[in-house]
């Protein structure tokens, strides 16, 4: 049986969590070379597409050696802090993403604090 690890990506809104997940999917050859894939692949519901933000957490699975890594894309907007907290309780670890230009923002600090206290 494979080991399973759940990793949540946390960050301030619009700092590239969903874009990172898109790139992980591409790097793991989930899509055919000739397949046209929309940006922000996981932001699939209409409201997320309209607003350009993640509202509901979603996951992808990436195999690595004998480990199945579930990467969870979380919302970054403070209005969805409850959703982020719920995911953090299920995660084995987090990947904190910080925009190199803007640096840590209020929601970055909020989600990091929540992750450290669980």
N, C-alpha and C. Protein backbone atom coordinates (compact mmCIF):
# COMPACT_ATOMS: atom_id res chain seq x y z
N UNK A 1 0.84 -1.18 0.00
CA UNK A 1 0.00 0.00 0.00
C UNK A 1 0.89 1.25 0.00
N UNK A 2 0.50 2.20 -0.78
CA UNK A 2 1.24 3.46 -0.86
C UNK A 2 1.01 4.31 0.38
N UNK A 3 2.04 5.08 0.71
CA UNK A 3 1.87 6.09 1.75
C UNK A 3 1.12 7.27 1.13
N UNK A 4 0.36 7.97 1.94
CA UNK A 4 -0.38 9.14 1.46
C UNK A 4 0.00 10.34 2.32
N UNK A 5 0.30 11.45 1.67
CA UNK A 5 0.60 12.69 2.37
C UNK A 5 -0.30 13.79 1.82
N UNK A 6 -0.93 14.53 2.70
CA UNK A 6 -1.79 15.65 2.32
C UNK A 6 -1.05 16.95 2.59
N UNK A 7 -0.81 17.73 1.54
CA UNK A 7 -0.08 18.98 1.64
C UNK A 7 -0.99 20.12 1.18
N UNK A 8 -1.23 21.09 2.06
CA UNK A 8 -2.06 22.25 1.71
C UNK A 8 -1.16 23.40 1.27
N UNK A 9 -1.55 24.05 0.18
CA UNK A 9 -0.85 25.25 -0.27
C UNK A 9 -1.60 26.44 0.32
N UNK A 10 -0.89 27.27 1.10
CA UNK A 10 -1.52 28.42 1.74
C UNK A 10 -0.78 29.69 1.33
N UNK A 11 -1.53 30.78 1.22
CA UNK A 11 -0.96 32.08 0.85
C UNK A 11 -2.05 33.14 0.88
N UNK A 12 -1.62 34.38 0.69
CA UNK A 12 -2.53 35.50 0.54
C UNK A 12 -3.28 35.35 -0.79
N UNK A 13 -4.43 35.97 -0.91
CA UNK A 13 -5.20 35.92 -2.15
C UNK A 13 -4.36 36.43 -3.32
N UNK A 14 -4.46 35.75 -4.45
CA UNK A 14 -3.79 36.16 -5.69
C UNK A 14 -2.27 36.08 -5.64
N UNK A 15 -1.74 35.19 -4.83
CA UNK A 15 -0.29 35.04 -4.77
C UNK A 15 0.20 33.80 -5.52
N UNK A 16 -0.68 33.12 -6.26
CA UNK A 16 -0.23 32.08 -7.18
C UNK A 16 -0.43 30.65 -6.76
N UNK A 17 -1.31 30.39 -5.79
CA UNK A 17 -1.54 29.01 -5.36
C UNK A 17 -2.09 28.15 -6.50
N UNK A 18 -3.13 28.62 -7.14
CA UNK A 18 -3.76 27.84 -8.21
C UNK A 18 -2.84 27.76 -9.42
N UNK A 19 -2.09 28.80 -9.70
CA UNK A 19 -1.13 28.77 -10.80
C UNK A 19 -0.05 27.73 -10.52
N UNK A 20 0.39 27.63 -9.28
CA UNK A 20 1.37 26.61 -8.90
C UNK A 20 0.80 25.21 -9.13
N UNK A 21 -0.45 24.99 -8.74
CA UNK A 21 -1.09 23.69 -8.96
C UNK A 21 -1.18 23.39 -10.46
N UNK A 22 -1.54 24.39 -11.27
CA UNK A 22 -1.57 24.20 -12.72
C UNK A 22 -0.22 23.71 -13.23
N UNK A 23 0.85 24.32 -12.76
CA UNK A 23 2.19 23.94 -13.21
C UNK A 23 2.58 22.55 -12.72
N UNK A 24 2.17 22.19 -11.51
CA UNK A 24 2.42 20.83 -11.02
C UNK A 24 1.74 19.80 -11.90
N UNK A 25 0.51 20.11 -12.32
CA UNK A 25 -0.21 19.20 -13.23
C UNK A 25 0.53 19.05 -14.55
N UNK A 26 1.00 20.16 -15.10
CA UNK A 26 1.74 20.12 -16.37
C UNK A 26 3.04 19.35 -16.23
N UNK A 27 3.78 19.60 -15.16
CA UNK A 27 5.07 18.94 -14.95
C UNK A 27 4.92 17.43 -14.75
N UNK A 28 3.77 17.01 -14.27
CA UNK A 28 3.52 15.58 -14.05
C UNK A 28 2.80 14.93 -15.21
N UNK A 29 2.77 15.62 -16.35
CA UNK A 29 2.20 15.09 -17.60
C UNK A 29 0.77 14.57 -17.44
N UNK A 30 -0.02 15.32 -16.70
CA UNK A 30 -1.43 14.97 -16.52
C UNK A 30 -2.20 15.23 -17.82
N UNK A 31 -1.76 16.22 -18.57
CA UNK A 31 -2.42 16.59 -19.82
C UNK A 31 -1.58 16.14 -21.01
N UNK A 32 -2.25 15.83 -22.10
CA UNK A 32 -1.54 15.51 -23.34
C UNK A 32 -0.84 16.77 -23.85
N UNK A 33 0.23 16.58 -24.59
CA UNK A 33 1.00 17.72 -25.12
C UNK A 33 0.13 18.64 -25.98
N UNK A 34 -0.80 18.05 -26.75
CA UNK A 34 -1.63 18.84 -27.66
C UNK A 34 -2.95 19.29 -27.02
N UNK A 35 -3.14 18.98 -25.75
CA UNK A 35 -4.39 19.32 -25.08
C UNK A 35 -4.39 20.78 -24.64
N UNK A 36 -5.47 21.48 -24.97
CA UNK A 36 -5.63 22.87 -24.54
C UNK A 36 -6.29 22.86 -23.17
N UNK A 37 -5.61 23.47 -22.21
CA UNK A 37 -6.10 23.48 -20.83
C UNK A 37 -6.28 24.92 -20.38
N UNK A 38 -7.43 25.22 -19.80
CA UNK A 38 -7.69 26.57 -19.32
C UNK A 38 -6.80 26.90 -18.13
N UNK A 39 -6.46 28.17 -17.98
CA UNK A 39 -5.71 28.60 -16.80
C UNK A 39 -6.57 28.41 -15.57
N UNK A 40 -5.92 28.27 -14.43
CA UNK A 40 -6.61 28.04 -13.16
C UNK A 40 -7.58 26.87 -13.32
N UNK A 41 -7.02 25.75 -13.74
CA UNK A 41 -7.77 24.54 -14.05
C UNK A 41 -8.72 24.13 -12.91
N UNK A 42 -8.27 24.24 -11.68
CA UNK A 42 -9.10 23.79 -10.55
C UNK A 42 -10.20 24.77 -10.17
N UNK A 43 -10.08 26.03 -10.55
CA UNK A 43 -11.15 26.99 -10.27
C UNK A 43 -12.26 26.76 -11.28
N UNK A 44 -13.07 25.75 -10.99
CA UNK A 44 -14.00 25.27 -12.01
C UNK A 44 -15.43 25.80 -11.88
N UNK A 45 -15.82 26.29 -10.71
CA UNK A 45 -17.21 26.75 -10.65
C UNK A 45 -17.32 28.18 -11.19
N UNK A 46 -18.51 28.54 -11.61
CA UNK A 46 -18.73 29.81 -12.31
C UNK A 46 -18.33 31.03 -11.48
N UNK A 47 -18.65 31.01 -10.19
CA UNK A 47 -18.32 32.15 -9.33
C UNK A 47 -16.80 32.31 -9.19
N UNK A 48 -16.09 31.21 -9.09
CA UNK A 48 -14.62 31.28 -9.01
C UNK A 48 -14.04 31.85 -10.30
N UNK A 49 -14.57 31.43 -11.43
CA UNK A 49 -14.09 31.93 -12.72
C UNK A 49 -14.39 33.43 -12.86
N UNK A 50 -15.60 33.81 -12.45
CA UNK A 50 -16.02 35.21 -12.56
C UNK A 50 -15.16 36.12 -11.68
N UNK A 51 -14.91 35.70 -10.45
CA UNK A 51 -14.16 36.54 -9.50
C UNK A 51 -12.65 36.34 -9.61
N UNK A 52 -12.23 35.24 -10.25
CA UNK A 52 -10.80 34.99 -10.41
C UNK A 52 -10.11 34.56 -9.14
N UNK A 53 -10.87 33.97 -8.20
CA UNK A 53 -10.28 33.50 -6.95
C UNK A 53 -10.80 32.11 -6.62
N UNK A 54 -10.04 31.40 -5.79
CA UNK A 54 -10.48 30.10 -5.31
C UNK A 54 -11.41 30.31 -4.13
N UNK A 55 -12.57 29.67 -4.17
CA UNK A 55 -13.54 29.77 -3.08
C UNK A 55 -13.61 28.46 -2.30
N UNK A 56 -13.62 27.35 -3.03
CA UNK A 56 -13.66 26.03 -2.41
C UNK A 56 -12.32 25.32 -2.62
N UNK A 57 -11.81 24.70 -1.58
CA UNK A 57 -10.55 23.96 -1.71
C UNK A 57 -10.75 22.77 -2.64
N UNK A 58 -9.69 22.48 -3.38
CA UNK A 58 -9.71 21.33 -4.29
C UNK A 58 -8.35 20.65 -4.21
N UNK A 59 -8.31 19.37 -4.58
CA UNK A 59 -7.02 18.70 -4.50
C UNK A 59 -6.67 17.98 -5.80
N UNK A 60 -5.38 17.76 -5.95
CA UNK A 60 -4.86 16.92 -7.02
C UNK A 60 -3.96 15.89 -6.35
N UNK A 61 -3.74 14.77 -7.00
CA UNK A 61 -2.83 13.75 -6.48
C UNK A 61 -1.66 13.61 -7.42
N UNK A 62 -0.48 13.58 -6.84
CA UNK A 62 0.75 13.44 -7.62
C UNK A 62 1.53 12.27 -7.04
N UNK A 63 1.87 11.30 -7.88
CA UNK A 63 2.69 10.19 -7.37
C UNK A 63 4.16 10.60 -7.28
N UNK A 64 4.81 10.21 -6.21
CA UNK A 64 6.24 10.45 -6.06
C UNK A 64 6.83 9.22 -5.38
N UNK A 65 7.61 8.46 -6.13
CA UNK A 65 8.16 7.19 -5.65
C UNK A 65 7.03 6.34 -5.10
N UNK A 66 7.06 5.99 -3.82
CA UNK A 66 6.01 5.14 -3.26
C UNK A 66 5.02 5.96 -2.42
N UNK A 67 4.92 7.25 -2.73
CA UNK A 67 4.05 8.13 -1.95
C UNK A 67 3.04 8.80 -2.88
N UNK A 68 1.80 8.80 -2.45
CA UNK A 68 0.76 9.56 -3.15
C UNK A 68 0.64 10.89 -2.42
N UNK A 69 0.96 11.98 -3.11
CA UNK A 69 0.90 13.31 -2.50
C UNK A 69 -0.38 14.00 -2.95
N UNK A 70 -1.25 14.27 -2.01
CA UNK A 70 -2.46 15.04 -2.29
C UNK A 70 -2.13 16.50 -2.02
N UNK A 71 -2.14 17.30 -3.08
CA UNK A 71 -1.87 18.73 -2.96
C UNK A 71 -3.22 19.44 -2.93
N UNK A 72 -3.44 20.22 -1.88
CA UNK A 72 -4.73 20.88 -1.69
C UNK A 72 -4.58 22.38 -1.94
N UNK A 73 -5.30 22.87 -2.94
CA UNK A 73 -5.33 24.29 -3.27
C UNK A 73 -6.39 24.94 -2.38
N UNK A 74 -5.98 25.90 -1.56
CA UNK A 74 -6.90 26.53 -0.61
C UNK A 74 -7.24 27.95 -1.04
N UNK A 75 -8.38 28.48 -0.57
CA UNK A 75 -8.70 29.88 -0.85
C UNK A 75 -7.70 30.80 -0.15
N UNK A 76 -7.48 31.98 -0.72
CA UNK A 76 -6.57 32.93 -0.11
C UNK A 76 -7.29 34.13 0.48
N UNK A 77 -8.54 34.32 0.13
CA UNK A 77 -9.30 35.49 0.60
C UNK A 77 -9.75 35.28 2.03
N UNK A 78 -9.66 36.31 2.84
CA UNK A 78 -10.00 36.19 4.27
C UNK A 78 -11.46 35.80 4.51
N UNK A 79 -12.34 36.07 3.55
CA UNK A 79 -13.74 35.68 3.71
C UNK A 79 -13.90 34.16 3.78
N UNK A 80 -12.90 33.42 3.33
CA UNK A 80 -12.99 31.96 3.28
C UNK A 80 -12.03 31.31 4.27
N UNK A 81 -11.72 32.01 5.35
CA UNK A 81 -10.80 31.51 6.37
C UNK A 81 -11.26 30.19 6.99
N UNK A 82 -12.57 30.02 7.13
CA UNK A 82 -13.11 28.78 7.68
C UNK A 82 -12.78 27.59 6.81
N UNK A 83 -12.84 27.78 5.51
CA UNK A 83 -12.49 26.72 4.55
C UNK A 83 -11.02 26.35 4.69
N UNK A 84 -10.17 27.34 4.84
CA UNK A 84 -8.73 27.10 4.99
C UNK A 84 -8.47 26.34 6.30
N UNK A 85 -9.10 26.75 7.38
CA UNK A 85 -8.91 26.07 8.67
C UNK A 85 -9.34 24.61 8.59
N UNK A 86 -10.44 24.34 7.92
CA UNK A 86 -10.93 22.97 7.77
C UNK A 86 -9.89 22.11 7.06
N UNK A 87 -9.30 22.64 5.99
CA UNK A 87 -8.29 21.91 5.23
C UNK A 87 -7.03 21.70 6.06
N UNK A 88 -6.62 22.73 6.79
CA UNK A 88 -5.41 22.61 7.60
C UNK A 88 -5.51 21.49 8.62
N UNK A 89 -6.70 21.25 9.13
CA UNK A 89 -6.89 20.17 10.11
C UNK A 89 -6.70 18.80 9.47
N UNK A 90 -6.87 18.69 8.17
CA UNK A 90 -6.70 17.42 7.46
C UNK A 90 -5.30 17.24 6.89
N UNK A 91 -4.54 18.31 6.80
CA UNK A 91 -3.24 18.27 6.11
C UNK A 91 -2.14 17.73 7.02
N UNK A 92 -1.19 17.03 6.39
CA UNK A 92 0.01 16.57 7.10
C UNK A 92 1.06 17.67 7.15
N UNK A 93 0.96 18.62 6.23
CA UNK A 93 1.92 19.71 6.16
C UNK A 93 1.39 20.79 5.24
N UNK A 94 2.10 21.91 5.20
CA UNK A 94 1.69 23.01 4.33
C UNK A 94 2.87 23.50 3.51
N UNK A 95 2.56 24.09 2.39
CA UNK A 95 3.53 24.81 1.59
C UNK A 95 3.07 26.26 1.61
N UNK A 96 3.85 27.12 2.25
CA UNK A 96 3.52 28.54 2.34
C UNK A 96 4.10 29.24 1.12
N UNK A 97 3.24 29.86 0.34
CA UNK A 97 3.65 30.55 -0.88
C UNK A 97 3.59 32.05 -0.61
N UNK A 98 4.72 32.74 -0.85
CA UNK A 98 4.79 34.18 -0.63
C UNK A 98 5.21 34.85 -1.93
N UNK A 99 4.46 35.86 -2.34
CA UNK A 99 4.79 36.63 -3.54
C UNK A 99 6.12 37.34 -3.31
N UNK A 100 7.09 37.13 -4.19
CA UNK A 100 8.43 37.70 -3.99
C UNK A 100 8.45 39.22 -4.13
N UNK A 101 7.48 39.78 -4.82
CA UNK A 101 7.43 41.23 -4.98
C UNK A 101 6.69 41.89 -3.82
N UNK A 102 5.49 41.39 -3.51
CA UNK A 102 4.68 42.00 -2.45
C UNK A 102 5.09 41.57 -1.05
N UNK A 103 5.69 40.40 -0.93
CA UNK A 103 6.08 39.89 0.38
C UNK A 103 4.88 39.39 1.16
N UNK A 104 5.07 39.07 2.45
CA UNK A 104 3.96 38.58 3.27
C UNK A 104 2.87 39.65 3.41
N UNK A 105 1.64 39.22 3.27
CA UNK A 105 0.49 40.11 3.39
C UNK A 105 -0.36 39.64 4.58
N UNK A 106 -1.40 40.40 4.95
CA UNK A 106 -2.21 40.03 6.12
C UNK A 106 -2.73 38.59 6.10
N UNK A 107 -3.26 38.14 4.97
CA UNK A 107 -3.80 36.78 4.92
C UNK A 107 -2.68 35.74 4.98
N UNK A 108 -1.49 36.08 4.50
CA UNK A 108 -0.35 35.17 4.61
C UNK A 108 -0.07 34.90 6.08
N UNK A 109 -0.02 35.96 6.84
CA UNK A 109 0.24 35.82 8.28
C UNK A 109 -0.88 35.06 8.98
N UNK A 110 -2.13 35.32 8.59
CA UNK A 110 -3.28 34.66 9.20
C UNK A 110 -3.21 33.15 8.98
N UNK A 111 -3.01 32.72 7.73
CA UNK A 111 -3.01 31.28 7.45
C UNK A 111 -1.78 30.60 8.04
N UNK A 112 -0.65 31.29 8.07
CA UNK A 112 0.55 30.71 8.68
C UNK A 112 0.33 30.51 10.18
N UNK A 113 -0.25 31.50 10.83
CA UNK A 113 -0.53 31.39 12.26
C UNK A 113 -1.46 30.22 12.54
N UNK A 114 -2.50 30.06 11.72
CA UNK A 114 -3.44 28.94 11.88
C UNK A 114 -2.71 27.61 11.72
N UNK A 115 -1.85 27.52 10.71
CA UNK A 115 -1.12 26.27 10.45
C UNK A 115 -0.18 25.93 11.60
N UNK A 116 0.48 26.93 12.16
CA UNK A 116 1.43 26.68 13.24
C UNK A 116 0.75 26.25 14.54
N UNK A 117 -0.51 26.63 14.72
CA UNK A 117 -1.22 26.29 15.95
C UNK A 117 -1.98 24.98 15.88
N UNK A 118 -1.92 24.29 14.77
CA UNK A 118 -2.61 22.99 14.66
C UNK A 118 -1.67 21.85 14.91
